Amino acid sequence: MRISVKEAEGQLTELVRLANQGEEIVLTQDGQPAVRLEPVTGFIKDPVKRGELIRRLQEEVRRKNLPPGPDAAHSQDFLYDEDGLPK
């Protein structure tokens, strides 16, 4: 289904429902395709299951004894030389 953004404004709930049912929804601007609505997949909605997955992944990282990655303050150091100037 193709529908203009203007027409879709009052129908968003219905368009989301249709997209979740598998229908392709394309929003258009000036007659040209602009955005496609599609269901989000792979997201775990249940907070208990999501927490279990996070714990399982953390345990796997601990078991593999991986070294920690760079901290946020130094994660881009490779872009700069010893004087702090861009390479």
Protein backbone atom coordinates (compact mmCIF):
# COMPACT_ATOMS: atom_id res chain seq x y z
CA MET A 1 0.00 0.00 0.00
CA ARG A 2 1.26 3.47 -0.86
CA ILE A 3 -0.14 6.42 1.02
CA SER A 4 0.93 10.04 1.26
CA VAL A 5 2.29 11.31 4.55
CA LYS A 6 -0.56 13.81 4.65
CA GLU A 7 -3.20 11.07 4.29
CA ALA A 8 -1.40 8.83 6.79
CA GLU A 9 -1.50 11.42 9.58
CA GLY A 10 -4.93 10.37 10.79
CA GLN A 11 -4.45 6.65 10.11
CA LEU A 12 -1.18 5.82 11.82
CA THR A 13 -2.64 3.27 14.25
CA GLU A 14 -4.31 1.39 11.40
CA LEU A 15 -1.18 1.56 9.22
CA VAL A 16 0.95 0.14 12.05
CA ARG A 17 -1.56 -2.68 12.52
CA LEU A 18 -1.44 -3.50 8.81
CA ALA A 19 2.36 -3.42 8.77
CA ASN A 20 2.45 -5.79 11.76
CA GLN A 21 0.20 -8.14 9.79
CA GLY A 22 2.74 -8.21 6.96
CA GLU A 23 1.37 -5.64 4.54
CA GLU A 24 3.96 -3.38 2.94
CA ILE A 25 3.20 0.24 3.83
CA VAL A 26 5.12 2.95 1.96
CA LEU A 27 4.63 6.60 2.86
CA THR A 28 5.13 9.02 0.00
CA GLN A 29 6.04 12.68 -0.26
CA ASP A 30 5.35 14.55 -3.47
CA GLY A 31 4.37 11.22 -5.03
CA GLN A 32 7.76 9.65 -4.32
CA PRO A 33 8.43 6.83 -1.82
CA ALA A 34 9.88 8.28 1.38
CA VAL A 35 9.48 5.80 4.24
CA ARG A 36 8.51 2.16 4.67
CA LEU A 37 6.69 0.95 7.79
CA GLU A 38 7.74 -2.51 8.89
CA PRO A 39 7.59 -4.47 12.13
CA VAL A 40 10.58 -4.46 14.45
CA THR A 41 11.94 -7.98 14.76
CA GLY A 42 14.34 -9.47 17.25
CA PHE A 43 13.29 -7.16 20.08
CA ILE A 44 12.45 -8.96 23.32
CA LYS A 45 9.51 -7.16 24.88
CA ASP A 46 9.36 -9.18 28.10
CA PRO A 47 11.72 -7.44 30.59
CA VAL A 48 12.41 -10.73 32.42
CA LYS A 49 13.47 -12.50 29.21
CA ARG A 50 15.49 -9.45 28.13
CA GLY A 51 17.29 -9.44 31.50
CA GLU A 52 18.02 -13.17 31.20
CA LEU A 53 19.53 -12.63 27.75
CA ILE A 54 21.73 -9.78 29.01
CA ARG A 55 22.95 -11.89 31.95
CA ARG A 56 23.66 -14.84 29.65
CA LEU A 57 25.68 -12.65 27.27
CA GLN A 58 27.61 -11.08 30.16
CA GLU A 59 28.43 -14.55 31.51
CA GLU A 60 29.63 -15.68 28.08
CA VAL A 61 31.97 -12.68 27.88
CA ARG A 62 33.32 -13.47 31.37
CA ARG A 63 33.87 -17.15 30.44
CA LYS A 64 35.82 -16.19 27.35
CA ASN A 65 37.97 -13.89 29.50
CA LEU A 66 37.99 -11.20 26.83
CA PRO A 67 40.01 -8.06 27.49
CA PRO A 68 37.93 -4.95 28.08
CA GLY A 69 37.51 -2.61 25.16
CA PRO A 70 38.61 1.03 25.28
CA ASP A 71 36.72 3.29 27.62
CA ALA A 72 34.62 6.05 26.09
CA ALA A 73 37.20 8.72 26.92
CA HIS A 74 39.82 6.99 24.78
CA SER A 75 37.82 5.10 22.17
CA GLN A 76 38.86 7.46 19.35
CA ASP A 77 42.54 7.89 20.28
CA PHE A 78 43.62 6.10 17.08
CA LEU A 79 42.42 9.15 15.11
CA TYR A 80 44.97 11.50 16.72
CA ASP A 81 48.75 11.66 16.92
CA GLU A 82 50.81 12.02 20.10
CA ASP A 83 50.28 15.82 20.05
CA GLY A 84 46.48 15.42 19.95
CA LEU A 85 46.20 16.54 16.32
CA PRO A 86 44.17 14.62 13.74
CA LYS A 87 46.23 12.11 11.76
